[in-house]
PDB file of all heavy atoms in Angstrom:
ATOM      1  N   ALA A   1     106.259  93.668  78.517  1.00  0.00           N
ATOM      2  CA  ALA A   1     104.923  93.976  78.899  1.00  0.00           C
ATOM      3  C   ALA A   1     104.152  92.774  78.944  1.00  0.00           C
ATOM      4  O   ALA A   1     103.983  92.023  77.916  1.00  0.00           O
ATOM      5  CB  ALA A   1     104.382  94.926  77.728  1.00  0.00           C
ATOM      6  N   VAL A   2     103.444  92.622  80.099  1.00  0.00           N
ATOM      7  CA  VAL A   2     102.612  91.356  80.247  1.00  0.00           C
ATOM      8  C   VAL A   2     101.097  91.746  79.737  1.00  0.00           C
ATOM      9  O   VAL A   2     100.231  90.795  79.859  1.00  0.00           O
ATOM     10  CB  VAL A   2     102.579  90.956  81.701  1.00  0.00           C
ATOM     11  CG1 VAL A   2     103.896  90.486  82.252  1.00  0.00           C
ATOM     12  CG2 VAL A   2     102.034  92.097  82.653  1.00  0.00           C
ATOM     13  N   GLY A   3     100.893  92.856  79.397  1.00  0.00           N
ATOM     14  CA  GLY A   3      99.570  93.252  78.934  1.00  0.00           C
ATOM     15  C   GLY A   3      99.625  94.765  78.500  1.00  0.00           C
ATOM     16  O   GLY A   3     100.619  95.409  78.798  1.00  0.00           O
ATOM     17  N   ILE A   4      98.576  95.248  77.939  1.00  0.00           N
ATOM     18  CA  ILE A   4      98.477  96.671  77.766  1.00  0.00           C
ATOM     19  C   ILE A   4      97.203  97.302  78.428  1.00  0.00           C
ATOM     20  O   ILE A   4      96.230  96.567  78.392  1.00  0.00           O
ATOM     21  CB  ILE A   4      98.485  97.025  76.236  1.00  0.00           C
ATOM     22  CG1 ILE A   4      97.473  96.378  75.449  1.00  0.00           C
ATOM     23  CG2 ILE A   4      99.936  96.692  75.680  1.00  0.00           C
ATOM     24  CD1 ILE A   4      97.331  96.783  73.997  1.00  0.00           C
ATOM     25  N   PRO A   5      97.244  98.526  78.856  1.00  0.00           N
ATOM     26  CA  PRO A   5      98.417  99.254  78.777  1.00  0.00           C
ATOM     27  C   PRO A   5      99.570  98.887  79.807  1.00  0.00           C
ATOM     28  O   PRO A   5      99.164  98.472  80.846  1.00  0.00           O
ATOM     29  CB  PRO A   5      97.871 100.784  79.157  1.00  0.00           C
ATOM     30  CG  PRO A   5      96.662 100.500  80.002  1.00  0.00           C
ATOM     31  CD  PRO A   5      96.159  99.215  79.402  1.00  0.00           C
ATOM     32  N   THR A   6     100.688  99.100  79.377  1.00  0.00           N
ATOM     33  CA  THR A   6     101.944  99.089  80.303  1.00  0.00           C
ATOM     34  C   THR A   6     102.721 100.319  80.217  1.00  0.00           C
ATOM     35  O   THR A   6     102.961 100.739  79.125  1.00  0.00           O
ATOM     36  CB  THR A   6     102.668  97.843  80.037  1.00  0.00           C
ATOM     37  OG1 THR A   6     101.997  96.631  80.463  1.00  0.00           O
ATOM     38  CG2 THR A   6     104.031  97.856  80.781  1.00  0.00           C
ATOM     39  N   THR A   7     103.107 100.894  81.207  1.00  0.00           N
ATOM     40  CA  THR A   7     103.816 102.164  81.279  1.00  0.00           C
ATOM     41  C   THR A   7     105.117 102.094  82.021  1.00  0.00           C
ATOM     42  O   THR A   7     105.185 101.607  83.125  1.00  0.00           O
ATOM     43  CB  THR A   7     102.945 103.273  81.920  1.00  0.00           C
ATOM     44  OG1 THR A   7     101.663 103.248  81.249  1.00  0.00           O
ATOM     45  CG2 THR A   7     103.569 104.653  81.656  1.00  0.00           C
ATOM     46  N   LEU A   8     106.137 102.582  81.444  1.00  0.00           N
ATOM     47  CA  LEU A   8     107.522 102.541  81.995  1.00  0.00           C
ATOM     48  C   LEU A   8     108.006 103.977  82.228  1.00  0.00           C
ATOM     49  O   LEU A   8     107.832 104.804  81.358  1.00  0.00           O
ATOM     50  CB  LEU A   8     108.509 101.889  81.108  1.00  0.00           C
ATOM     51  CG  LEU A   8     108.606 100.360  81.008  1.00  0.00           C
ATOM     52  CD1 LEU A   8     107.312  99.781  80.392  1.00  0.00           C
ATOM     53  CD2 LEU A   8     109.788  99.835  80.200  1.00  0.00           C
ATOM     54  N   LEU A   9     108.582 104.220  83.392  1.00  0.00           N
ATOM     55  CA  LEU A   9     109.167 105.542  83.756  1.00  0.00           C
ATOM     56  C   LEU A   9     110.614 105.268  83.484  1.00  0.00           C
ATOM     57  O   LEU A   9     111.322 104.460  84.012  1.00  0.00           O
ATOM     58  CB  LEU A   9     108.897 105.880  85.167  1.00  0.00           C
ATOM     59  CG  LEU A   9     109.344 107.240  85.653  1.00  0.00           C
ATOM     60  CD1 LEU A   9     108.706 108.397  84.713  1.00  0.00           C
ATOM     61  CD2 LEU A   9     109.227 107.524  87.034  1.00  0.00           C
ATOM     62  N   ILE A  10     111.120 106.055  82.475  1.00  0.00           N
ATOM     63  CA  ILE A  10     112.566 105.999  82.121  1.00  0.00           C
ATOM     64  C   ILE A  10     113.347 107.162  82.397  1.00  0.00           C
ATOM     65  O   ILE A  10     112.921 108.293  82.049  1.00  0.00           O
ATOM     66  CB  ILE A  10     112.743 105.481  80.672  1.00  0.00           C
ATOM     67  CG1 ILE A  10     111.936 104.234  80.483  1.00  0.00           C
ATOM     68  CG2 ILE A  10     114.106 105.380  80.208  1.00  0.00           C
ATOM     69  CD1 ILE A  10     111.893 103.769  79.026  1.00  0.00           C
ATOM     70  N   ASN A  11     114.484 107.093  83.254  1.00  0.00           N
ATOM     71  CA  ASN A  11     115.233 108.333  83.502  1.00  0.00           C
ATOM     72  C   ASN A  11     116.084 108.854  82.498  1.00  0.00           C
ATOM     73  O   ASN A  11     116.287 108.214  81.340  1.00  0.00           O
ATOM     74  CB  ASN A  11     115.916 108.093  84.831  1.00  0.00           C
ATOM     75  CG  ASN A  11     117.191 107.136  84.688  1.00  0.00           C
ATOM     76  OD1 ASN A  11     117.561 106.811  83.601  1.00  0.00           O
ATOM     77  ND2 ASN A  11     117.699 106.860  85.759  1.00  0.00           N
ATOM     78  N   PRO A  12     116.713 109.979  82.539  1.00  0.00           N
ATOM     79  CA  PRO A  12     117.662 110.540  81.510  1.00  0.00           C
ATOM     80  C   PRO A  12     118.739 109.620  81.121  1.00  0.00           C
ATOM     81  O   PRO A  12     119.288 109.796  79.975  1.00  0.00           O
ATOM     82  CB  PRO A  12     118.080 111.864  82.166  1.00  0.00           C
ATOM     83  CG  PRO A  12     117.023 112.229  83.120  1.00  0.00           C
ATOM     84  CD  PRO A  12     116.556 110.948  83.782  1.00  0.00           C
ATOM     85  N   ASP A  13     119.202 108.702  82.051  1.00  0.00           N
ATOM     86  CA  ASP A  13     120.244 107.805  81.693  1.00  0.00           C
ATOM     87  C   ASP A  13     119.711 106.537  80.864  1.00  0.00           C
ATOM     88  O   ASP A  13     120.439 105.709  80.452  1.00  0.00           O
ATOM     89  CB  ASP A  13     120.943 107.226  82.923  1.00  0.00           C
ATOM     90  CG  ASP A  13     121.575 108.385  83.731  1.00  0.00           C
ATOM     91  OD1 ASP A  13     122.214 109.196  83.101  1.00  0.00           O
ATOM     92  OD2 ASP A  13     121.689 108.225  84.879  1.00  0.00           O
ATOM     93  N   GLY A  14     118.408 106.550  80.590  1.00  0.00           N
ATOM     94  CA  GLY A  14     117.875 105.493  79.767  1.00  0.00           C
ATOM     95  C   GLY A  14     117.540 104.192  80.632  1.00  0.00           C
ATOM     96  O   GLY A  14     117.282 103.113  80.137  1.00  0.00           O
ATOM     97  N   LEU A  15     117.496 104.368  81.944  1.00  0.00           N
ATOM     98  CA  LEU A  15     117.116 103.181  82.855  1.00  0.00           C
ATOM     99  C   LEU A  15     115.683 103.275  83.262  1.00  0.00           C
ATOM    100  O   LEU A  15     115.158 104.373  83.605  1.00  0.00           O
ATOM    101  CB  LEU A  15     118.160 103.335  84.089  1.00  0.00           C
ATOM    102  CG  LEU A  15     119.636 103.093  83.754  1.00  0.00           C
ATOM    103  CD1 LEU A  15     120.411 103.241  85.060  1.00  0.00           C
ATOM    104  CD2 LEU A  15     119.879 101.759  83.130  1.00  0.00           C
ATOM    105  N   GLU A  16     115.078 102.117  83.347  1.00  0.00           N
ATOM    106  CA  GLU A  16     113.704 101.997  83.853  1.00  0.00           C
ATOM    107  C   GLU A  16     113.682 102.203  85.410  1.00  0.00           C
ATOM    108  O   GLU A  16     114.362 101.472  86.185  1.00  0.00           O
ATOM    109  CB  GLU A  16     112.993 100.744  83.518  1.00  0.00           C
ATOM    110  CG  GLU A  16     111.716 100.573  84.110  1.00  0.00           C
ATOM    111  CD  GLU A  16     111.101  99.124  83.874  1.00  0.00           C
ATOM    112  OE1 GLU A  16     111.428  98.475  82.884  1.00  0.00           O
ATOM    113  OE2 GLU A  16     110.256  98.654  84.682  1.00  0.00           O
ATOM    114  N   THR A  17     113.042 103.249  85.808  1.00  0.00           N
ATOM    115  CA  THR A  17     112.922 103.511  87.299  1.00  0.00           C
ATOM    116  C   THR A  17     111.582 103.228  87.895  1.00  0.00           C
ATOM    117  O   THR A  17     111.429 103.193  89.019  1.00  0.00           O
ATOM    118  CB  THR A  17     113.269 104.968  87.685  1.00  0.00           C
ATOM    119  OG1 THR A  17     112.488 105.843  86.831  1.00  0.00           O
ATOM    120  CG2 THR A  17     114.714 105.262  87.244  1.00  0.00           C
ATOM    121  N   GLY A  18     110.632 102.915  86.969  1.00  0.00           N
ATOM    122  CA  GLY A  18     109.239 102.710  87.488  1.00  0.00           C
ATOM    123  C   GLY A  18     108.516 101.921  86.381  1.00  0.00           C
ATOM    124  O   GLY A  18     108.794 102.126  85.284  1.00  0.00           O
ATOM    125  N   ARG A  19     107.416 101.286  86.831  1.00  0.00           N
ATOM    126  CA  ARG A  19     106.446 100.598  85.899  1.00  0.00           C
ATOM    127  C   ARG A  19     105.102 100.493  86.490  1.00  0.00           C
ATOM    128  O   ARG A  19     104.936 100.261  87.647  1.00  0.00           O
ATOM    129  CB  ARG A  19     107.057  99.161  85.639  1.00  0.00           C
ATOM    130  CG  ARG A  19     106.203  98.363  84.659  1.00  0.00           C
ATOM    131  CD  ARG A  19     106.744  97.007  84.346  1.00  0.00           C
ATOM    132  NE  ARG A  19     108.024  97.200  83.534  1.00  0.00           N
ATOM    133  CZ  ARG A  19     108.210  96.439  82.389  1.00  0.00           C
ATOM    134  NH1 ARG A  19     107.439  95.552  81.953  1.00  0.00           N
ATOM    135  NH2 ARG A  19     109.377  96.620  81.644  1.00  0.00           N
ATOM    136  N   LEU A  20     104.090 100.537  85.615  1.00  0.00           N
ATOM    137  CA  LEU A  20     102.718 100.438  85.966  1.00  0.00           C
ATOM    138  C   LEU A  20     102.009  99.564  84.922  1.00  0.00           C
ATOM    139  O   LEU A  20     102.174  99.766  83.735  1.00  0.00           O
ATOM    140  CB  LEU A  20     101.950 101.800  86.105  1.00  0.00           C
ATOM    141  CG  LEU A  20     100.615 101.760  86.647  1.00  0.00           C
ATOM    142  CD1 LEU A  20     100.282 103.147  87.351  1.00  0.00           C
ATOM    143  CD2 LEU A  20      99.527 101.473  85.564  1.00  0.00           C
ATOM    144  N   VAL A  21     101.271  98.511  85.345  1.00  0.00           N
ATOM    145  CA  VAL A  21     100.592  97.617  84.509  1.00  0.00           C
ATOM    146  C   VAL A  21      99.085  97.952  84.663  1.00  0.00           C
ATOM    147  O   VAL A  21      98.626  97.725  85.737  1.00  0.00           O
ATOM    148  CB  VAL A  21     100.923  96.062  84.747  1.00  0.00           C
ATOM    149  CG1 VAL A  21     100.094  95.263  83.998  1.00  0.00           C
ATOM    150  CG2 VAL A  21     102.390  95.833  84.638  1.00  0.00           C
ATOM    151  N   GLY A  22      98.457  98.302  83.591  1.00  0.00           N
ATOM    152  CA  GLY A  22      97.065  98.765  83.688  1.00  0.00           C
ATOM    153  C   GLY A  22      96.863 100.084  83.619  1.00  0.00           C
ATOM    154  O   GLY A  22      97.845 100.964  83.509  1.00  0.00           O
ATOM    155  N   PRO A  23      95.617 100.617  83.493  1.00  0.00           N
ATOM    156  CA  PRO A  23      95.357 102.065  83.355  1.00  0.00           C
ATOM    157  C   PRO A  23      95.511 102.797  84.696  1.00  0.00           C
ATOM    158  O   PRO A  23      95.612 102.196  85.757  1.00  0.00           O
ATOM    159  CB  PRO A  23      93.871 102.046  82.976  1.00  0.00           C
ATOM    160  CG  PRO A  23      93.361 100.803  83.569  1.00  0.00           C
ATOM    161  CD  PRO A  23      94.380  99.843  83.477  1.00  0.00           C
ATOM    162  N   ALA A  24      95.615 104.094  84.484  1.00  0.00           N
ATOM    163  CA  ALA A  24      95.843 104.903  85.741  1.00  0.00           C
ATOM    164  C   ALA A  24      95.295 106.299  85.527  1.00  0.00           C
ATOM    165  O   ALA A  24      95.116 106.725  84.419  1.00  0.00           O
ATOM    166  CB  ALA A  24      97.316 105.007  86.089  1.00  0.00           C
ATOM    167  N   GLU A  25      94.967 107.020  86.492  1.00  0.00           N
ATOM    168  CA  GLU A  25      94.638 108.451  86.612  1.00  0.00           C
ATOM    169  C   GLU A  25      95.953 109.193  86.469  1.00  0.00           C
ATOM    170  O   GLU A  25      96.350 109.700  87.490  1.00  0.00           O
ATOM    171  CB  GLU A  25      93.739 108.809  87.738  1.00  0.00           C
ATOM    172  CG  GLU A  25      92.387 108.270  87.682  1.00  0.00           C
ATOM    173  CD  GLU A  25      91.495 108.810  86.498  1.00  0.00           C
ATOM    174  OE1 GLU A  25      91.845 109.948  86.110  1.00  0.00           O
ATOM    175  OE2 GLU A  25      90.614 108.158  85.983  1.00  0.00           O
ATOM    176  N   TRP A  26      96.567 109.447  85.282  1.00  0.00           N
ATOM    177  CA  TRP A  26      97.887 110.032  85.324  1.00  0.00           C
ATOM    178  C   TRP A  26      97.962 111.415  85.672  1.00  0.00           C
ATOM    179  O   TRP A  26      99.024 111.951  86.076  1.00  0.00           O
ATOM    180  CB  TRP A  26      98.352 109.779  83.823  1.00  0.00           C
ATOM    181  CG  TRP A  26      98.660 108.335  83.597  1.00  0.00           C
ATOM    182  CD1 TRP A  26      97.960 107.544  82.727  1.00  0.00           C
ATOM    183  CD2 TRP A  26      99.828 107.649  84.026  1.00  0.00           C
ATOM    184  NE1 TRP A  26      98.554 106.328  82.735  1.00  0.00           N
ATOM    185  CE2 TRP A  26      99.631 106.390  83.441  1.00  0.00           C
ATOM    186  CE3 TRP A  26     100.981 107.929  84.843  1.00  0.00           C
ATOM    187  CZ2 TRP A  26     100.577 105.333  83.795  1.00  0.00           C
ATOM    188  CZ3 TRP A  26     101.878 106.926  85.048  1.00  0.00           C
ATOM    189  CH2 TRP A  26     101.736 105.674  84.607  1.00  0.00           C
ATOM    190  N   ASP A  27      96.944 112.156  85.741  1.00  0.00           N
ATOM    191  CA  ASP A  27      96.989 113.540  86.092  1.00  0.00           C
ATOM    192  C   ASP A  27      96.448 113.781  87.452  1.00  0.00           C
ATOM    193  O   ASP A  27      96.104 114.967  87.898  1.00  0.00           O
ATOM    194  CB  ASP A  27      96.268 114.439  85.067  1.00  0.00           C
ATOM    195  CG  ASP A  27      94.786 114.152  84.919  1.00  0.00           C
ATOM    196  OD1 ASP A  27      94.369 113.019  85.239  1.00  0.00           O
ATOM    197  OD2 ASP A  27      94.057 114.992  84.504  1.00  0.00           O
ATOM    198  N   SER A  28      96.281 112.693  88.247  1.00  0.00           N
ATOM    199  CA  SER A  28      95.777 112.894  89.636  1.00  0.00           C
ATOM    200  C   SER A  28      96.818 113.580  90.439  1.00  0.00           C
ATOM    201  O   SER A  28      98.043 113.442  90.175  1.00  0.00           O
ATOM    202  CB  SER A  28      95.359 111.484  90.240  1.00  0.00           C
ATOM    203  OG  SER A  28      96.660 110.760  90.392  1.00  0.00           O
ATOM    204  N   PRO A  29      96.458 114.151  91.533  1.00  0.00           N
ATOM    205  CA  PRO A  29      97.516 114.862  92.417  1.00  0.00           C
ATOM    206  C   PRO A  29      98.493 113.851  92.957  1.00  0.00           C
ATOM    207  O   PRO A  29      99.625 114.251  92.969  1.00  0.00           O
ATOM    208  CB  PRO A  29      96.571 115.398  93.558  1.00  0.00           C
ATOM    209  CG  PRO A  29      95.275 115.616  92.891  1.00  0.00           C
ATOM    210  CD  PRO A  29      95.076 114.492  92.049  1.00  0.00           C
ATOM    211  N   GLU A  30      98.154 112.706  93.239  1.00  0.00           N
ATOM    212  CA  GLU A  30      99.011 111.688  93.825  1.00  0.00           C
ATOM    213  C   GLU A  30     100.092 111.387  92.686  1.00  0.00           C
ATOM    214  O   GLU A  30     101.313 111.245  93.010  1.00  0.00           O
ATOM    215  CB  GLU A  30      98.322 110.415  94.300  1.00  0.00           C
ATOM    216  CG  GLU A  30      97.379 110.637  95.424  1.00  0.00           C
ATOM    217  CD  GLU A  30      95.996 111.117  94.996  1.00  0.00           C
ATOM    218  OE1 GLU A  30      95.748 111.140  93.812  1.00  0.00           O
ATOM    219  OE2 GLU A  30      95.252 111.581  95.836  1.00  0.00           O
ATOM    220  N   MET A  31      99.600 111.119  91.527  1.00  0.00           N
ATOM    221  CA  MET A  31     100.498 110.754  90.313  1.00  0.00           C
ATOM    222  C   MET A  31     101.417 111.876  90.043  1.00  0.00           C
ATOM    223  O   MET A  31     102.623 111.590  89.769  1.00  0.00           O
ATOM    224  CB  MET A  31      99.721 110.237  89.192  1.00  0.00           C
ATOM    225  CG  MET A  31     100.520 109.498  88.201  1.00  0.00           C
ATOM    226  SD  MET A  31     101.139 107.923  88.816  1.00  0.00           S
ATOM    227  CE  MET A  31      99.695 106.945  88.688  1.00  0.00           C
ATOM    228  N   ILE A  32     100.843 113.028  89.964  1.00  0.00           N
ATOM    229  CA  ILE A  32     101.676 114.253  89.665  1.00  0.00           C
ATOM    230  C   ILE A  32     102.839 114.429  90.742  1.00  0.00           C
ATOM    231  O   ILE A  32     103.977 114.602  90.324  1.00  0.00           O
ATOM    232  CB  ILE A  32     100.829 115.523  89.676  1.00  0.00           C
ATOM    233  CG1 ILE A  32      99.917 115.506  88.490  1.00  0.00           C
ATOM    234  CG2 ILE A  32     101.764 116.755  89.546  1.00  0.00           C
ATOM    235  CD1 ILE A  32     100.544 115.765  87.171  1.00  0.00           C
ATOM    236  N   ASP A  33     102.543 114.167  91.972  1.00  0.00           N
ATOM    237  CA  ASP A  33     103.445 114.302  93.016  1.00  0.00           C
ATOM    238  C   ASP A  33     104.623 113.310  92.915  1.00  0.00           C
ATOM    239  O   ASP A  33     105.793 113.616  92.958  1.00  0.00           O
ATOM    240  CB  ASP A  33     102.750 114.110  94.349  1.00  0.00           C
ATOM    241  CG  ASP A  33     103.703 114.348  95.535  1.00  0.00           C
ATOM    242  OD1 ASP A  33     104.234 115.372  95.639  1.00  0.00           O
ATOM    243  OD2 ASP A  33     103.933 113.294  96.305  1.00  0.00           O
ATOM    244  N   ILE A  34     104.267 112.011  92.580  1.00  0.00           N
ATOM    245  CA  ILE A  34     105.290 111.028  92.520  1.00  0.00           C
ATOM    246  C   ILE A  34     106.178 111.182  91.239  1.00  0.00           C
ATOM    247  O   ILE A  34     107.422 111.097  91.299  1.00  0.00           O
ATOM    248  CB  ILE A  34     104.737 109.534  92.426  1.00  0.00           C
ATOM    249  CG1 ILE A  34     105.831 108.586  92.803  1.00  0.00           C
ATOM    250  CG2 ILE A  34     104.042 109.297  91.234  1.00  0.00           C
ATOM    251  CD1 ILE A  34     105.340 107.290  93.156  1.00  0.00           C
ATOM    252  N   LEU A  35     105.596 111.712  90.242  1.00  0.00           N
ATOM    253  CA  LEU A  35     106.355 112.025  88.990  1.00  0.00           C
ATOM    254  C   LEU A  35     107.240 113.139  89.179  1.00  0.00           C
ATOM    255  O   LEU A  35     108.451 113.128  88.712  1.00  0.00           O
ATOM    256  CB  LEU A  35     105.460 112.210  87.774  1.00  0.00           C
ATOM    257  CG  LEU A  35     104.644 111.001  87.327  1.00  0.00           C
ATOM    258  CD1 LEU A  35     103.638 111.417  86.267  1.00  0.00           C
ATOM    259  CD2 LEU A  35     105.641 109.916  86.774  1.00  0.00           C
ATOM    260  N   GLN A  36     106.734 114.100  89.880  1.00  0.00           N
ATOM    261  CA  GLN A  36     107.757 115.382  90.116  1.00  0.00           C
ATOM    262  C   GLN A  36     108.820 115.034  90.981  1.00  0.00           C
ATOM    263  O   GLN A  36     109.976 115.474  90.807  1.00  0.00           O
ATOM    264  CB  GLN A  36     106.830 116.502  90.736  1.00  0.00           C
ATOM    265  CG  GLN A  36     105.836 117.114  89.638  1.00  0.00           C
ATOM    266  CD  GLN A  36     105.044 118.285  90.290  1.00  0.00           C
ATOM    267  OE1 GLN A  36     104.602 118.162  91.469  1.00  0.00           O
ATOM    268  NE2 GLN A  36     104.813 119.291  89.586  1.00  0.00           N
ATOM    269  N   GLN A  37     108.530 114.133  91.948  1.00  0.00           N
ATOM    270  CA  GLN A  37     109.663 113.587  92.828  1.00  0.00           C
ATOM    271  C   GLN A  37     110.808 112.921  91.933  1.00  0.00           C
ATOM    272  O   GLN A  37     111.987 113.156  92.152  1.00  0.00           O
ATOM    273  CB  GLN A  37     109.175 112.669  93.842  1.00  0.00           C
ATOM    274  CG  GLN A  37     108.301 113.350  94.910  1.00  0.00           C
ATOM    275  CD  GLN A  37     107.769 112.296  95.967  1.00  0.00           C
ATOM    276  OE1 GLN A  37     108.462 111.239  96.223  1.00  0.00           O
ATOM    277  NE2 GLN A  37     106.709 112.555  96.613  1.00  0.00           N
ATOM    278  N   GLN A  38     110.412 112.099  90.988  1.00  0.00           N
ATOM    279  CA  GLN A  38     111.276 111.476  90.149  1.00  0.00           C
ATOM    280  C   GLN A  38     111.977 112.441  89.139  1.00  0.00           C
ATOM    281  O   GLN A  38     113.143 112.256  88.963  1.00  0.00           O
ATOM    282  CB  GLN A  38     110.540 110.412  89.281  1.00  0.00           C
ATOM    283  CG  GLN A  38     110.054 109.261  90.143  1.00  0.00           C
ATOM    284  CD  GLN A  38     111.070 108.610  90.879  1.00  0.00           C
ATOM    285  OE1 GLN A  38     112.171 107.998  90.248  1.00  0.00           O
ATOM    286  NE2 GLN A  38     111.083 108.493  92.207  1.00  0.00           N
ATOM    287  N   LEU A  39     111.305 113.500  88.834  1.00  0.00           N
ATOM    288  CA  LEU A  39     112.001 114.519  87.954  1.00  0.00           C
ATOM    289  C   LEU A  39     113.041 115.271  88.714  1.00  0.00           C
ATOM    290  O   LEU A  39     114.020 115.778  88.086  1.00  0.00           O
ATOM    291  CB  LEU A  39     110.880 115.538  87.368  1.00  0.00           C
ATOM    292  CG  LEU A  39     110.026 114.821  86.283  1.00  0.00           C
ATOM    293  CD1 LEU A  39     108.979 115.910  86.026  1.00  0.00           C
ATOM    294  CD2 LEU A  39     110.749 114.452  85.011  1.00  0.00           C
ATOM    295  N   GLU A  40     112.829 115.319  89.939  1.00  0.00           N
ATOM    296  CA  GLU A  40     113.902 115.977  90.933  1.00  0.00           C
ATOM    297  C   GLU A  40     115.069 115.080  91.128  1.00  0.00           C
ATOM    298  O   GLU A  40     116.099 115.545  91.801  1.00  0.00           O
ATOM    299  CB  GLU A  40     113.203 116.544  92.142  1.00  0.00           C
ATOM    300  CG  GLU A  40     112.148 117.522  91.773  1.00  0.00           C
ATOM    301  CD  GLU A  40     111.287 117.921  93.034  1.00  0.00           C
ATOM    302  OE1 GLU A  40     111.615 117.373  94.114  1.00  0.00           O
ATOM    303  OE2 GLU A  40     110.419 118.803  92.938  1.00  0.00           O
ATOM    304  N   THR A  41     114.940 113.815  90.906  1.00  0.00           N
ATOM    305  CA  THR A  41     116.049 112.807  91.293  1.00  0.00           C
ATOM    306  C   THR A  41     117.189 112.949  90.243  1.00  0.00           C
ATOM    307  O   THR A  41     116.970 112.952  89.009  1.00  0.00           O
ATOM    308  CB  THR A  41     115.514 111.428  91.191  1.00  0.00           C
ATOM    309  OG1 THR A  41     114.465 111.164  92.026  1.00  0.00           O
ATOM    310  CG2 THR A  41     116.678 110.403  91.531  1.00  0.00           C
ATOM    311  N   PRO A  42     118.416 113.199  90.701  1.00  0.00           N
ATOM    312  CA  PRO A  42     119.516 113.437  89.805  1.00  0.00           C
ATOM    313  C   PRO A  42     119.792 112.218  89.011  1.00  0.00           C
ATOM    314  O   PRO A  42     119.664 111.105  89.504  1.00  0.00           O
ATOM    315  CB  PRO A  42     120.706 113.708  90.816  1.00  0.00           C
ATOM    316  CG  PRO A  42     120.011 114.170  92.193  1.00  0.00           C
ATOM    317  CD  PRO A  42     118.799 113.380  92.137  1.00  0.00           C
ATOM    318  N   PRO A  43     120.213 112.454  87.718  1.00  0.00           N
ATOM    319  CA  PRO A  43     120.513 111.161  86.958  1.00  0.00           C
ATOM    320  C   PRO A  43     121.679 110.354  87.683  1.00  0.00           C
ATOM    321  O   PRO A  43     122.535 110.843  88.285  1.00  0.00           O
ATOM    322  CB  PRO A  43     121.171 111.769  85.655  1.00  0.00           C
ATOM    323  CG  PRO A  43     120.559 113.177  85.606  1.00  0.00           C
ATOM    324  CD  PRO A  43     120.358 113.606  87.023  1.00  0.00           C
ATOM    325  N   GLY A  44     121.537 109.014  87.518  1.00  0.00           N
ATOM    326  CA  GLY A  44     122.480 108.196  88.181  1.00  0.00           C
ATOM    327  C   GLY A  44     122.075 107.708  89.527  1.00  0.00           C
ATOM    328  O   GLY A  44     122.577 106.848  90.178  1.00  0.00           O
ATOM    329  N   ASN A  45     120.864 108.261  89.974  1.00  0.00           N
ATOM    330  CA  ASN A  45     120.352 107.928  91.307  1.00  0.00           C
ATOM    331  C   ASN A  45     118.861 107.833  91.244  1.00  0.00           C
ATOM    332  O   ASN A  45     118.136 108.800  91.199  1.00  0.00           O
ATOM    333  CB  ASN A  45     120.762 108.910  92.440  1.00  0.00           C
ATOM    334  CG  ASN A  45     120.239 108.545  93.787  1.00  0.00           C
ATOM    335  OD1 ASN A  45     119.668 107.497  93.992  1.00  0.00           O
ATOM    336  ND2 ASN A  45     120.341 109.570  94.684  1.00  0.00           N
ATOM    337  N   SER A  46     118.316 106.556  91.135  1.00  0.00           N
ATOM    338  CA  SER A  46     116.870 106.412  90.948  1.00  0.00           C
ATOM    339  C   SER A  46     116.163 106.226  92.311  1.00  0.00           C
ATOM    340  O   SER A  46     114.947 105.969  92.341  1.00  0.00           O
ATOM    341  CB  SER A  46     116.641 105.135  90.143  1.00  0.00           C
ATOM    342  OG  SER A  46     117.129 103.995  90.712  1.00  0.00           O
TER     343      SER A  46
END
């Protein structure tokens, strides 16, 4: 982490699939959409 907040998206296999440095509107429609897309990604394929 080069600073805080730092946020890592980690998949069920324990691999980092995404990262954000700095604050964010985590419940915005855009962020919800991208997170839901990642939740639909099968393990082993990021």
